[in-house]
PDB file of N, CA and C in Angstrom:
ATOM      1  N   LYS A   1       0.832  -1.169   0.000  1.00  0.00           N
ATOM      2  CA  LYS A   1       0.000   0.000   0.000  1.00  0.00           C
ATOM      3  C   LYS A   1       0.882   1.240   0.000  1.00  0.00           C
ATOM      4  N   VAL A   2       1.243   1.658  -1.186  1.00  0.00           N
ATOM      5  CA  VAL A   2       2.130   2.809  -1.329  1.00  0.00           C
ATOM      6  C   VAL A   2       1.360   3.924  -2.014  1.00  0.00           C
ATOM      7  N   ASP A   3       1.243   5.044  -1.320  1.00  0.00           N
ATOM      8  CA  ASP A   3       0.528   6.172  -1.898  1.00  0.00           C
ATOM      9  C   ASP A   3       1.393   6.935  -2.884  1.00  0.00           C
ATOM     10  N   HIS A   4       0.746   7.584  -3.813  1.00  0.00           N
ATOM     11  CA  HIS A   4       1.397   8.532  -4.694  1.00  0.00           C
ATOM     12  C   HIS A   4       1.913   9.667  -3.811  1.00  0.00           C
ATOM     13  N   PRO A   5       3.024  10.307  -4.160  1.00  0.00           N
ATOM     14  CA  PRO A   5       3.549  11.379  -3.306  1.00  0.00           C
ATOM     15  C   PRO A   5       2.556  12.519  -3.039  1.00  0.00           C
ATOM     16  N   ARG A   6       1.601  12.735  -3.926  1.00  0.00           N
ATOM     17  CA  ARG A   6       0.694  13.873  -3.764  1.00  0.00           C
ATOM     18  C   ARG A   6      -0.726  13.505  -3.373  1.00  0.00           C
ATOM     19  N   TRP A   7      -1.126  12.230  -3.463  1.00  0.00           N
ATOM     20  CA  TRP A   7      -2.491  11.850  -3.086  1.00  0.00           C
ATOM     21  C   TRP A   7      -2.550  10.373  -2.714  1.00  0.00           C
ATOM     22  N   SER A   8      -3.605  10.038  -1.993  1.00  0.00           N
ATOM     23  CA  SER A   8      -3.796   8.655  -1.553  1.00  0.00           C
ATOM     24  C   SER A   8      -4.333   7.803  -2.702  1.00  0.00           C
ATOM     25  N   GLN A   9      -3.901   6.561  -2.737  1.00  0.00           N
ATOM     26  CA  GLN A   9      -4.426   5.614  -3.716  1.00  0.00           C
ATOM     27  C   GLN A   9      -5.299   4.565  -3.038  1.00  0.00           C
ATOM     28  N   ALA A  10      -5.756   4.872  -1.818  1.00  0.00           N
ATOM     29  CA  ALA A  10      -6.583   3.940  -1.054  1.00  0.00           C
ATOM     30  C   ALA A  10      -7.964   3.776  -1.668  1.00  0.00           C
ATOM     31  N   THR A  11      -8.432   4.811  -2.376  1.00  0.00           N
ATOM     32  CA  THR A  11      -9.735   4.735  -3.035  1.00  0.00           C
ATOM     33  C   THR A  11      -9.601   5.200  -4.474  1.00  0.00           C
ATOM     34  N   GLU A  12     -10.580   4.807  -5.284  1.00  0.00           N
ATOM     35  CA  GLU A  12     -10.597   5.204  -6.689  1.00  0.00           C
ATOM     36  C   GLU A  12     -12.026   5.499  -7.099  1.00  0.00           C
ATOM     37  N   LYS A  13     -12.170   6.289  -8.138  1.00  0.00           N
ATOM     38  CA  LYS A  13     -13.488   6.555  -8.705  1.00  0.00           C
ATOM     39  C   LYS A  13     -13.449   6.065 -10.146  1.00  0.00           C
ATOM     40  N   ARG A  14     -14.272   5.089 -10.441  1.00  0.00           N
ATOM     41  CA  ARG A  14     -14.292   4.511 -11.782  1.00  0.00           C
ATOM     42  C   ARG A  14     -15.163   5.340 -12.709  1.00  0.00           C
ATOM     43  N   LEU A  15     -14.830   5.299 -13.974  1.00  0.00           N
ATOM     44  CA  LEU A  15     -15.615   6.026 -14.968  1.00  0.00           C
ATOM     45  C   LEU A  15     -17.058   5.563 -14.945  1.00  0.00           C
ATOM     46  N   GLY A  16     -17.967   6.510 -14.955  1.00  0.00           N
ATOM     47  CA  GLY A  16     -19.383   6.187 -14.990  1.00  0.00           C
ATOM     48  C   GLY A  16     -19.998   5.897 -13.635  1.00  0.00           C
ATOM     49  N   GLU A  17     -19.188   5.878 -12.584  1.00  0.00           N
ATOM     50  CA  GLU A  17     -19.709   5.628 -11.243  1.00  0.00           C
ATOM     51  C   GLU A  17     -19.733   6.925 -10.448  1.00  0.00           C
ATOM     52  N   MET A  18     -20.690   7.019  -9.546  1.00  0.00           N
ATOM     53  CA  MET A  18     -20.874   8.243  -8.783  1.00  0.00           C
ATOM     54  C   MET A  18     -19.991   8.307  -7.534  1.00  0.00           C
ATOM     55  N   PHE A  19     -19.746   7.164  -6.914  1.00  0.00           N
ATOM     56  CA  PHE A  19     -19.040   7.141  -5.636  1.00  0.00           C
ATOM     57  C   PHE A  19     -17.660   6.512  -5.761  1.00  0.00           C
ATOM     58  N   ARG A  20     -16.798   6.844  -4.806  1.00  0.00           N
ATOM     59  CA  ARG A  20     -15.460   6.257  -4.742  1.00  0.00           C
ATOM     60  C   ARG A  20     -15.558   4.864  -4.127  1.00  0.00           C
ATOM     61  N   ARG A  21     -14.618   4.010  -4.467  1.00  0.00           N
ATOM     62  CA  ARG A  21     -14.564   2.662  -3.907  1.00  0.00           C
ATOM     63  C   ARG A  21     -13.135   2.374  -3.473  1.00  0.00           C
ATOM     64  N   ARG A  22     -12.995   1.398  -2.579  1.00  0.00           N
ATOM     65  CA  ARG A  22     -11.678   1.001  -2.095  1.00  0.00           C
ATOM     66  C   ARG A  22     -10.886   0.386  -3.253  1.00  0.00           C
ATOM     67  N   THR A  23      -9.648   0.794  -3.399  1.00  0.00           N
ATOM     68  CA  THR A  23      -8.786   0.262  -4.446  1.00  0.00           C
ATOM     69  C   THR A  23      -8.344  -1.151  -4.076  1.00  0.00           C
ATOM     70  N   LEU A  24      -8.436  -2.071  -5.015  1.00  0.00           N
ATOM     71  CA  LEU A  24      -8.036  -3.459  -4.787  1.00  0.00           C
ATOM     72  C   LEU A  24      -6.557  -3.649  -5.123  1.00  0.00           C
ATOM     73  N   MET A  25      -5.911  -4.514  -4.378  1.00  0.00           N
ATOM     74  CA  MET A  25      -4.502  -4.816  -4.620  1.00  0.00           C
ATOM     75  C   MET A  25      -4.330  -5.408  -6.015  1.00  0.00           C
ATOM     76  N   PHE A  26      -3.360  -4.909  -6.765  1.00  0.00           N
ATOM     77  CA  PHE A  26      -3.074  -5.370  -8.125  1.00  0.00           C
ATOM     78  C   PHE A  26      -4.328  -5.311  -9.002  1.00  0.00           C
ATOM     79  N   ASN A  27      -5.115  -4.263  -8.824  1.00  0.00           N
ATOM     80  CA  ASN A  27      -6.323  -4.029  -9.627  1.00  0.00           C
ATOM     81  C   ASN A  27      -7.313  -5.187  -9.583  1.00  0.00           C
ATOM     82  N   GLY A  28      -7.331  -5.898  -8.463  1.00  0.00           N
ATOM     83  CA  GLY A  28      -8.281  -6.994  -8.298  1.00  0.00           C
ATOM     84  C   GLY A  28      -7.767  -8.343  -8.764  1.00  0.00           C
ATOM     85  N   TYR A  29      -6.550  -8.396  -9.259  1.00  0.00           N
ATOM     86  CA  TYR A  29      -5.970  -9.655  -9.740  1.00  0.00           C
ATOM     87  C   TYR A  29      -4.960 -10.229  -8.748  1.00  0.00           C
ATOM     88  N   GLU A  30      -5.119  -9.911  -7.474  1.00  0.00           N
ATOM     89  CA  GLU A  30      -4.138 -10.317  -6.468  1.00  0.00           C
ATOM     90  C   GLU A  30      -3.911 -11.824  -6.444  1.00  0.00           C
ATOM     91  N   LYS A  31      -4.967 -12.618  -6.470  1.00  0.00           N
ATOM     92  CA  LYS A  31      -4.816 -14.081  -6.412  1.00  0.00           C
ATOM     93  C   LYS A  31      -4.045 -14.621  -7.615  1.00  0.00           C
ATOM     94  N   GLN A  32      -4.232 -14.002  -8.769  1.00  0.00           N
ATOM     95  CA  GLN A  32      -3.598 -14.501  -9.991  1.00  0.00           C
ATOM     96  C   GLN A  32      -2.141 -14.053 -10.145  1.00  0.00           C
ATOM     97  N   VAL A  33      -1.771 -12.885  -9.601  1.00  0.00           N
ATOM     98  CA  VAL A  33      -0.434 -12.349  -9.876  1.00  0.00           C
ATOM     99  C   VAL A  33       0.456 -12.154  -8.649  1.00  0.00           C
ATOM    100  N   ALA A  34      -0.052 -12.379  -7.454  1.00  0.00           N
ATOM    101  CA  ALA A  34       0.735 -12.127  -6.238  1.00  0.00           C
ATOM    102  C   ALA A  34       2.062 -12.886  -6.253  1.00  0.00           C
ATOM    103  N   HIS A  35       2.067 -14.090  -6.798  1.00  0.00           N
ATOM    104  CA  HIS A  35       3.309 -14.877  -6.831  1.00  0.00           C
ATOM    105  C   HIS A  35       4.405 -14.198  -7.647  1.00  0.00           C
ATOM    106  N   LEU A  36       4.048 -13.341  -8.580  1.00  0.00           N
ATOM    107  CA  LEU A  36       5.037 -12.636  -9.398  1.00  0.00           C
ATOM    108  C   LEU A  36       5.810 -11.596  -8.588  1.00  0.00           C
ATOM    109  N   TYR A  37       5.237 -11.169  -7.468  1.00  0.00           N
ATOM    110  CA  TYR A  37       5.823 -10.112  -6.651  1.00  0.00           C
ATOM    111  C   TYR A  37       6.412 -10.626  -5.343  1.00  0.00           C
ATOM    112  N   GLU A  38       6.480 -11.943  -5.158  1.00  0.00           N
ATOM    113  CA  GLU A  38       7.037 -12.513  -3.932  1.00  0.00           C
ATOM    114  C   GLU A  38       8.490 -12.082  -3.767  1.00  0.00           C
ATOM    115  N   GLY A  39       8.825 -11.636  -2.559  1.00  0.00           N
ATOM    116  CA  GLY A  39      10.193 -11.231  -2.269  1.00  0.00           C
ATOM    117  C   GLY A  39      10.538  -9.831  -2.737  1.00  0.00           C
ATOM    118  N   LEU A  40       9.649  -9.160  -3.407  1.00  0.00           N
ATOM    119  CA  LEU A  40       9.897  -7.814  -3.914  1.00  0.00           C
ATOM    120  C   LEU A  40       9.385  -6.791  -2.912  1.00  0.00           C
ATOM    121  N   ASP A  41      10.194  -5.789  -2.614  1.00  0.00           N
ATOM    122  CA  ASP A  41       9.784  -4.716  -1.703  1.00  0.00           C
ATOM    123  C   ASP A  41       8.903  -3.750  -2.492  1.00  0.00           C
ATOM    124  N   LEU A  42       7.595  -3.846  -2.297  1.00  0.00           N
ATOM    125  CA  LEU A  42       6.663  -3.028  -3.074  1.00  0.00           C
ATOM    126  C   LEU A  42       6.730  -1.552  -2.710  1.00  0.00           C
ATOM    127  N   ARG A  43       7.236  -1.228  -1.532  1.00  0.00           N
ATOM    128  CA  ARG A  43       7.402   0.183  -1.171  1.00  0.00           C
ATOM    129  C   ARG A  43       8.571   0.795  -1.947  1.00  0.00           C
ATOM    130  N   LYS A  44       9.587   0.005  -2.208  1.00  0.00           N
ATOM    131  CA  LYS A  44      10.771   0.492  -2.919  1.00  0.00           C
ATOM    132  C   LYS A  44      10.591   0.399  -4.438  1.00  0.00           C
ATOM    133  N   ASN A  45       9.953  -0.652  -4.915  1.00  0.00           N
ATOM    134  CA  ASN A  45       9.849  -0.929  -6.355  1.00  0.00           C
ATOM    135  C   ASN A  45       8.411  -0.829  -6.841  1.00  0.00           C
ATOM    136  N   PHE A  46       7.708   0.226  -6.526  1.00  0.00           N
ATOM    137  CA  PHE A  46       6.319   0.325  -6.981  1.00  0.00           C
ATOM    138  C   PHE A  46       6.222   0.975  -8.328  1.00  0.00           C
TER     139      PHE A  46
END
């Protein structure tokens, strides 16, 4: 969970939607791609 230097990435607003929603890890593909990031420091290499 690494924020952009100027704003939080904890929530997002999708096109065509009225309200903000919680941002999902790896855009919702966490189960499928998490193994690709094992051992990687996501705070350093985001």
